[in-house]
Amino acid sequence: MLKISFTQDLIEAGCDEAGRGCLAGPVFAAAVILPLTFFNDELTDSKKLSATARYRLRDIILKEATSWAVAQIDNEEIDKINILNASIKAMHLCVEKLTVKPQLLLIDGNYFKKYQEIPHKTIIKGDSLYCSIAAASILAKTFRDDYMTELHSLFPLYNWKQNKAYPTKQHRLAIQQYGISPLHRRTFCKNIEQYNQLL
């Protein structure tokens, strides 16, 4: 069972990202503050859930969270500042958008850049340990999936409605055949030949 908080003495916001390993589109991040009374035994890391379960839990999180926010950094900025910095910047934007100021940030992963004067704790596999991080992982994942599904209509050759721009065999073959779109991350795709050696 996931823990509701790292410490019950502070207002905590869990933060996570989605789309870090994708070949196109933005990276999304989410920040979530949950009430200490929150409980849902289905809640866990979004990667461990079916799409149906993720969207069911998203509705619950949006309804019951004390505060939540989602932000994105587009592919052009990812190419300029790299994906790690882009992921952290997206998390910073989320925290800035929260309607309740957190006193502690719980970050999924092992690296983060301090946001203002708010203390933070990096937690490896935090989305499998803490409710607020798991909730953030679900929001980041579902909002990004929705976004990539919308973008599919603009660039249907890459089948983003299904692969969400992850480097699947089909996506890599499409890049090899048709080239990259304006929404592809050039720094990720410049060595697409290396990807296709895995085909």
C-alpha atoms as a PDB file:
ATOM      1  CA  MET A   1       0.000   0.000   0.000  1.00  0.00           C
ATOM      2  CA  LEU A   2       1.253   3.468  -0.880  1.00  0.00           C
ATOM      3  CA  LYS A   3       2.026   6.003   1.829  1.00  0.00           C
ATOM      4  CA  ILE A   4      -0.176   9.089   1.960  1.00  0.00           C
ATOM      5  CA  SER A   5       2.675  11.357   3.051  1.00  0.00           C
ATOM      6  CA  PHE A   6       6.389  11.610   3.753  1.00  0.00           C
ATOM      7  CA  THR A   7       5.680  13.615   6.886  1.00  0.00           C
ATOM      8  CA  GLN A   8       2.257  14.567   8.214  1.00  0.00           C
ATOM      9  CA  ASP A   9       3.546  17.928   9.472  1.00  0.00           C
ATOM     10  CA  LEU A  10       3.872  19.641   6.077  1.00  0.00           C
ATOM     11  CA  ILE A  11       1.752  20.318   3.014  1.00  0.00           C
ATOM     12  CA  GLU A  12       3.285  18.004   0.433  1.00  0.00           C
ATOM     13  CA  ALA A  13       3.039  18.061  -3.358  1.00  0.00           C
ATOM     14  CA  GLY A  14       3.980  14.990  -5.346  1.00  0.00           C
ATOM     15  CA  CYS A  15       5.584  15.661  -8.752  1.00  0.00           C
ATOM     16  CA  ASP A  16       6.195  13.419 -11.744  1.00  0.00           C
ATOM     17  CA  GLU A  17       6.602  13.617 -15.515  1.00  0.00           C
ATOM     18  CA  ALA A  18       5.485  11.712 -18.601  1.00  0.00           C
ATOM     19  CA  GLY A  19       6.910  11.476 -22.099  1.00  0.00           C
ATOM     20  CA  ARG A  20      10.557  11.786 -21.225  1.00  0.00           C
ATOM     21  CA  GLY A  21      11.615   9.002 -23.575  1.00  0.00           C
ATOM     22  CA  CYS A  22       9.383   9.952 -26.514  1.00  0.00           C
ATOM     23  CA  LEU A  23      10.669  10.899 -29.955  1.00  0.00           C
ATOM     24  CA  ALA A  24       8.132  13.687 -30.497  1.00  0.00           C
ATOM     25  CA  GLY A  25       5.867  16.075 -28.694  1.00  0.00           C
ATOM     26  CA  PRO A  26       6.193  17.748 -25.310  1.00  0.00           C
ATOM     27  CA  VAL A  27       7.152  16.373 -21.949  1.00  0.00           C
ATOM     28  CA  PHE A  28       4.338  16.761 -19.433  1.00  0.00           C
ATOM     29  CA  ALA A  29       4.582  17.089 -15.669  1.00  0.00           C
ATOM     30  CA  ALA A  30       2.030  17.202 -12.880  1.00  0.00           C
ATOM     31  CA  ALA A  31       2.001  18.250  -9.239  1.00  0.00           C
ATOM     32  CA  VAL A  32      -0.655  17.026  -6.816  1.00  0.00           C
ATOM     33  CA  ILE A  33      -1.479  17.849  -3.212  1.00  0.00           C
ATOM     34  CA  LEU A  34      -3.762  15.253  -1.636  1.00  0.00           C
ATOM     35  CA  PRO A  35      -5.645  15.540   1.644  1.00  0.00           C
ATOM     36  CA  LEU A  36      -4.317  13.339   4.446  1.00  0.00           C
ATOM     37  CA  THR A  37      -7.681  11.570   4.420  1.00  0.00           C
ATOM     38  CA  PHE A  38      -7.245  10.440   0.818  1.00  0.00           C
ATOM     39  CA  PHE A  39      -7.407   6.702   0.214  1.00  0.00           C
ATOM     40  CA  ASN A  40      -7.682   4.570  -2.895  1.00  0.00           C
ATOM     41  CA  ASP A  41      -6.237   1.074  -2.912  1.00  0.00           C
ATOM     42  CA  GLU A  42      -6.061   1.039  -6.725  1.00  0.00           C
ATOM     43  CA  LEU A  43      -3.700   4.022  -6.872  1.00  0.00           C
ATOM     44  CA  THR A  44      -0.166   3.219  -8.023  1.00  0.00           C
ATOM     45  CA  ASP A  45       2.450   4.119 -10.634  1.00  0.00           C
ATOM     46  CA  SER A  46       0.619   4.944 -13.870  1.00  0.00           C
ATOM     47  CA  LYS A  47       2.816   2.524 -15.837  1.00  0.00           C
ATOM     48  CA  LYS A  48       1.363  -0.357 -13.831  1.00  0.00           C
ATOM     49  CA  LEU A  49      -2.242   0.549 -14.676  1.00  0.00           C
ATOM     50  CA  SER A  50      -4.429  -0.048 -17.694  1.00  0.00           C
ATOM     51  CA  ALA A  51      -5.601   2.999 -19.633  1.00  0.00           C
ATOM     52  CA  THR A  52      -9.121   2.466 -18.272  1.00  0.00           C
ATOM     53  CA  ALA A  53      -7.852   2.440 -14.688  1.00  0.00           C
ATOM     54  CA  ARG A  54      -5.714   5.535 -15.265  1.00  0.00           C
ATOM     55  CA  TYR A  55      -8.640   7.581 -16.526  1.00  0.00           C
ATOM     56  CA  ARG A  56     -10.914   6.327 -13.754  1.00  0.00           C
ATOM     57  CA  LEU A  57      -8.327   7.375 -11.190  1.00  0.00           C
ATOM     58  CA  ARG A  58      -7.762  10.701 -12.914  1.00  0.00           C
ATOM     59  CA  ASP A  59     -11.400  11.613 -12.358  1.00  0.00           C
ATOM     60  CA  ILE A  60     -11.050  10.758  -8.672  1.00  0.00           C
ATOM     61  CA  ILE A  61      -7.810  12.716  -8.291  1.00  0.00           C
ATOM     62  CA  LEU A  62      -9.195  15.810 -10.009  1.00  0.00           C
ATOM     63  CA  LYS A  63     -12.226  15.703  -7.735  1.00  0.00           C
ATOM     64  CA  GLU A  64     -10.530  14.967  -4.423  1.00  0.00           C
ATOM     65  CA  ALA A  65      -7.112  16.633  -4.635  1.00  0.00           C
ATOM     66  CA  THR A  66      -6.529  19.698  -2.504  1.00  0.00           C
ATOM     67  CA  SER A  67      -4.748  21.208  -5.498  1.00  0.00           C
ATOM     68  CA  TRP A  68      -3.325  19.953  -8.780  1.00  0.00           C
ATOM     69  CA  ALA A  69      -1.607  21.327 -11.858  1.00  0.00           C
ATOM     70  CA  VAL A  70      -0.279  20.096 -15.196  1.00  0.00           C
ATOM     71  CA  ALA A  71       2.323  21.767 -17.427  1.00  0.00           C
ATOM     72  CA  GLN A  72       4.285  20.956 -20.557  1.00  0.00           C
ATOM     73  CA  ILE A  73       7.525  21.872 -22.314  1.00  0.00           C
ATOM     74  CA  ASP A  74       7.474  21.558 -26.096  1.00  0.00           C
ATOM     75  CA  ASN A  75       9.855  19.674 -28.350  1.00  0.00           C
ATOM     76  CA  GLU A  76      11.755  22.771 -29.490  1.00  0.00           C
ATOM     77  CA  GLU A  77      12.643  23.743 -25.935  1.00  0.00           C
ATOM     78  CA  ILE A  78      13.539  20.133 -25.139  1.00  0.00           C
ATOM     79  CA  ASP A  79      16.073  20.296 -27.978  1.00  0.00           C
ATOM     80  CA  LYS A  80      17.483  23.552 -26.593  1.00  0.00           C
ATOM     81  CA  ILE A  81      17.817  22.716 -22.894  1.00  0.00           C
ATOM     82  CA  ASN A  82      17.775  18.850 -22.951  1.00  0.00           C
ATOM     83  CA  ILE A  83      15.100  16.523 -21.648  1.00  0.00           C
ATOM     84  CA  LEU A  84      16.244  16.468 -18.014  1.00  0.00           C
ATOM     85  CA  ASN A  85      16.134  20.252 -17.704  1.00  0.00           C
ATOM     86  CA  ALA A  86      12.836  20.341 -19.597  1.00  0.00           C
ATOM     87  CA  SER A  87      11.285  17.786 -17.231  1.00  0.00           C
ATOM     88  CA  ILE A  88      12.395  19.763 -14.195  1.00  0.00           C
ATOM     89  CA  LYS A  89      11.188  23.029 -15.718  1.00  0.00           C
ATOM     90  CA  ALA A  90       7.769  21.464 -16.348  1.00  0.00           C
ATOM     91  CA  MET A  91       7.615  20.416 -12.693  1.00  0.00           C
ATOM     92  CA  HIS A  92       8.551  23.947 -11.611  1.00  0.00           C
ATOM     93  CA  LEU A  93       5.717  25.322 -13.744  1.00  0.00           C
ATOM     94  CA  CYS A  94       3.301  22.897 -12.096  1.00  0.00           C
ATOM     95  CA  VAL A  95       4.305  23.922  -8.594  1.00  0.00           C
ATOM     96  CA  GLU A  96       3.921  27.578  -9.578  1.00  0.00           C
ATOM     97  CA  LYS A  97       0.359  26.891 -10.774  1.00  0.00           C
ATOM     98  CA  LEU A  98      -0.814  25.156  -7.588  1.00  0.00           C
ATOM     99  CA  THR A  99      -3.505  27.103  -5.730  1.00  0.00           C
ATOM    100  CA  VAL A 100      -2.114  25.917  -2.388  1.00  0.00           C
ATOM    101  CA  LYS A 101       1.567  26.525  -1.672  1.00  0.00           C
ATOM    102  CA  PRO A 102       3.332  23.292  -0.726  1.00  0.00           C
ATOM    103  CA  GLN A 103       5.858  23.139   2.090  1.00  0.00           C
ATOM    104  CA  LEU A 104       7.616  20.052   0.713  1.00  0.00           C
ATOM    105  CA  LEU A 105       7.990  18.649  -2.797  1.00  0.00           C
ATOM    106  CA  LEU A 106       8.183  14.887  -3.319  1.00  0.00           C
ATOM    107  CA  ILE A 107       9.933  14.277  -6.639  1.00  0.00           C
ATOM    108  CA  ASP A 108       9.913  10.998  -8.528  1.00  0.00           C
ATOM    109  CA  GLY A 109      13.503  10.194  -9.466  1.00  0.00           C
ATOM    110  CA  ASN A 110      16.971  10.983  -8.198  1.00  0.00           C
ATOM    111  CA  TYR A 111      17.597  14.559  -9.349  1.00  0.00           C
ATOM    112  CA  PHE A 112      15.812  17.909  -9.089  1.00  0.00           C
ATOM    113  CA  LYS A 113      16.692  21.582  -9.082  1.00  0.00           C
ATOM    114  CA  LYS A 114      15.386  23.517  -6.117  1.00  0.00           C
ATOM    115  CA  TYR A 115      12.241  25.533  -6.737  1.00  0.00           C
ATOM    116  CA  GLN A 116      12.303  28.869  -4.895  1.00  0.00           C
ATOM    117  CA  GLU A 117      12.735  28.140  -1.178  1.00  0.00           C
ATOM    118  CA  ILE A 118      10.562  25.021  -1.031  1.00  0.00           C
ATOM    119  CA  PRO A 119      12.424  21.968   0.303  1.00  0.00           C
ATOM    120  CA  HIS A 120      12.270  18.833  -1.816  1.00  0.00           C
ATOM    121  CA  LYS A 121      12.925  15.133  -1.506  1.00  0.00           C
ATOM    122  CA  THR A 122      13.873  13.015  -4.508  1.00  0.00           C
ATOM    123  CA  ILE A 123      12.569   9.452  -4.288  1.00  0.00           C
ATOM    124  CA  ILE A 124      13.538   6.698  -6.720  1.00  0.00           C
ATOM    125  CA  LYS A 125      10.391   4.837  -7.812  1.00  0.00           C
ATOM    126  CA  GLY A 126       8.441   7.334  -5.747  1.00  0.00           C
ATOM    127  CA  ASP A 127       5.363   6.760  -7.911  1.00  0.00           C
ATOM    128  CA  SER A 128       5.192   3.260  -6.409  1.00  0.00           C
ATOM    129  CA  LEU A 129       5.679   4.517  -2.852  1.00  0.00           C
ATOM    130  CA  TYR A 130       3.707   7.737  -2.273  1.00  0.00           C
ATOM    131  CA  CYS A 131       0.134   8.557  -3.178  1.00  0.00           C
ATOM    132  CA  SER A 132       0.792  12.133  -4.275  1.00  0.00           C
ATOM    133  CA  ILE A 133       3.573  11.110  -6.680  1.00  0.00           C
ATOM    134  CA  ALA A 134       1.456   8.260  -8.067  1.00  0.00           C
ATOM    135  CA  ALA A 135      -1.402  10.707  -8.577  1.00  0.00           C
ATOM    136  CA  ALA A 136       0.946  13.101 -10.372  1.00  0.00           C
ATOM    137  CA  SER A 137       2.173  10.280 -12.608  1.00  0.00           C
ATOM    138  CA  ILE A 138      -1.419   9.494 -13.602  1.00  0.00           C
ATOM    139  CA  LEU A 139      -2.267  13.115 -14.420  1.00  0.00           C
ATOM    140  CA  ALA A 140       0.931  13.661 -16.404  1.00  0.00           C
ATOM    141  CA  LYS A 141       0.436  10.436 -18.340  1.00  0.00           C
ATOM    142  CA  THR A 142      -3.255  10.870 -19.172  1.00  0.00           C
ATOM    143  CA  PHE A 143      -3.039  14.542 -20.089  1.00  0.00           C
ATOM    144  CA  ARG A 144      -0.076  13.830 -22.350  1.00  0.00           C
ATOM    145  CA  ASP A 145      -1.818  10.830 -23.941  1.00  0.00           C
ATOM    146  CA  ASP A 146      -4.833  13.030 -24.701  1.00  0.00           C
ATOM    147  CA  TYR A 147      -2.567  15.669 -26.223  1.00  0.00           C
ATOM    148  CA  MET A 148      -0.722  13.212 -28.460  1.00  0.00           C
ATOM    149  CA  THR A 149      -4.024  11.691 -29.595  1.00  0.00           C
ATOM    150  CA  GLU A 150      -5.108  15.166 -30.710  1.00  0.00           C
ATOM    151  CA  LEU A 151      -1.815  15.699 -32.545  1.00  0.00           C
ATOM    152  CA  HIS A 152      -2.291  12.412 -34.390  1.00  0.00           C
ATOM    153  CA  SER A 153      -4.832  14.078 -36.678  1.00  0.00           C
ATOM    154  CA  LEU A 154      -2.124  16.521 -37.824  1.00  0.00           C
ATOM    155  CA  PHE A 155       0.525  13.851 -38.450  1.00  0.00           C
ATOM    156  CA  PRO A 156      -1.278  10.512 -38.852  1.00  0.00           C
ATOM    157  CA  LEU A 157       1.677   8.801 -40.537  1.00  0.00           C
ATOM    158  CA  TYR A 158       3.340   8.234 -37.159  1.00  0.00           C
ATOM    159  CA  ASN A 159       0.287   6.728 -35.426  1.00  0.00           C
ATOM    160  CA  TRP A 160       0.675   8.811 -32.272  1.00  0.00           C
ATOM    161  CA  LYS A 161      -2.853   7.944 -31.169  1.00  0.00           C
ATOM    162  CA  GLN A 162      -1.498   4.482 -30.450  1.00  0.00           C
ATOM    163  CA  ASN A 163       2.212   4.854 -29.668  1.00  0.00           C
ATOM    164  CA  LYS A 164       2.011   8.344 -28.100  1.00  0.00           C
ATOM    165  CA  ALA A 165       5.359   9.105 -29.830  1.00  0.00           C
ATOM    166  CA  TYR A 166       7.349   6.472 -27.959  1.00  0.00           C
ATOM    167  CA  PRO A 167      10.063   4.781 -30.097  1.00  0.00           C
ATOM    168  CA  THR A 168       8.031   1.757 -31.138  1.00  0.00           C
ATOM    169  CA  LYS A 169       9.063  -0.256 -34.179  1.00  0.00           C
ATOM    170  CA  GLN A 170       6.224   1.289 -36.197  1.00  0.00           C
ATOM    171  CA  HIS A 171       7.162   4.830 -35.190  1.00  0.00           C
ATOM    172  CA  ARG A 172      10.834   4.340 -36.031  1.00  0.00           C
ATOM    173  CA  LEU A 173       9.977   2.856 -39.405  1.00  0.00           C
ATOM    174  CA  ALA A 174       7.683   5.815 -40.149  1.00  0.00           C
ATOM    175  CA  ILE A 175      10.489   8.254 -39.369  1.00  0.00           C
ATOM    176  CA  GLN A 176      12.820   6.275 -41.610  1.00  0.00           C
ATOM    177  CA  GLN A 177      10.266   6.323 -44.432  1.00  0.00           C
ATOM    178  CA  TYR A 178       8.780   9.821 -44.135  1.00  0.00           C
ATOM    179  CA  GLY A 179      11.337  11.799 -42.166  1.00  0.00           C
ATOM    180  CA  ILE A 180      10.586  13.812 -39.059  1.00  0.00           C
ATOM    181  CA  SER A 181       7.724  16.216 -38.428  1.00  0.00           C
ATOM    182  CA  PRO A 182       7.986  19.714 -36.907  1.00  0.00           C
ATOM    183  CA  LEU A 183       6.943  18.142 -33.604  1.00  0.00           C
ATOM    184  CA  HIS A 184       9.735  15.595 -33.427  1.00  0.00           C
ATOM    185  CA  ARG A 185      12.613  16.141 -31.029  1.00  0.00           C
ATOM    186  CA  ARG A 186      15.561  16.561 -33.347  1.00  0.00           C
ATOM    187  CA  THR A 187      18.108  15.656 -30.697  1.00  0.00           C
ATOM    188  CA  PHE A 188      16.255  12.362 -30.173  1.00  0.00           C
ATOM    189  CA  CYS A 189      15.835  11.542 -33.862  1.00  0.00           C
ATOM    190  CA  LYS A 190      19.218  12.487 -35.284  1.00  0.00           C
ATOM    191  CA  ASN A 191      20.449   8.968 -34.642  1.00  0.00           C
ATOM    192  CA  ILE A 192      17.310   7.176 -35.779  1.00  0.00           C
ATOM    193  CA  GLU A 193      19.527   4.779 -37.756  1.00  0.00           C
ATOM    194  CA  GLN A 194      20.803   3.486 -34.414  1.00  0.00           C
ATOM    195  CA  TYR A 195      17.224   2.897 -33.297  1.00  0.00           C
ATOM    196  CA  ASN A 196      16.471   1.015 -36.479  1.00  0.00           C
ATOM    197  CA  GLN A 197      19.405  -1.330 -35.968  1.00  0.00           C
ATOM    198  CA  LEU A 198      17.170  -2.818 -33.273  1.00  0.00           C
ATOM    199  CA  LEU A 199      14.407  -3.652 -35.769  1.00  0.00           C
END
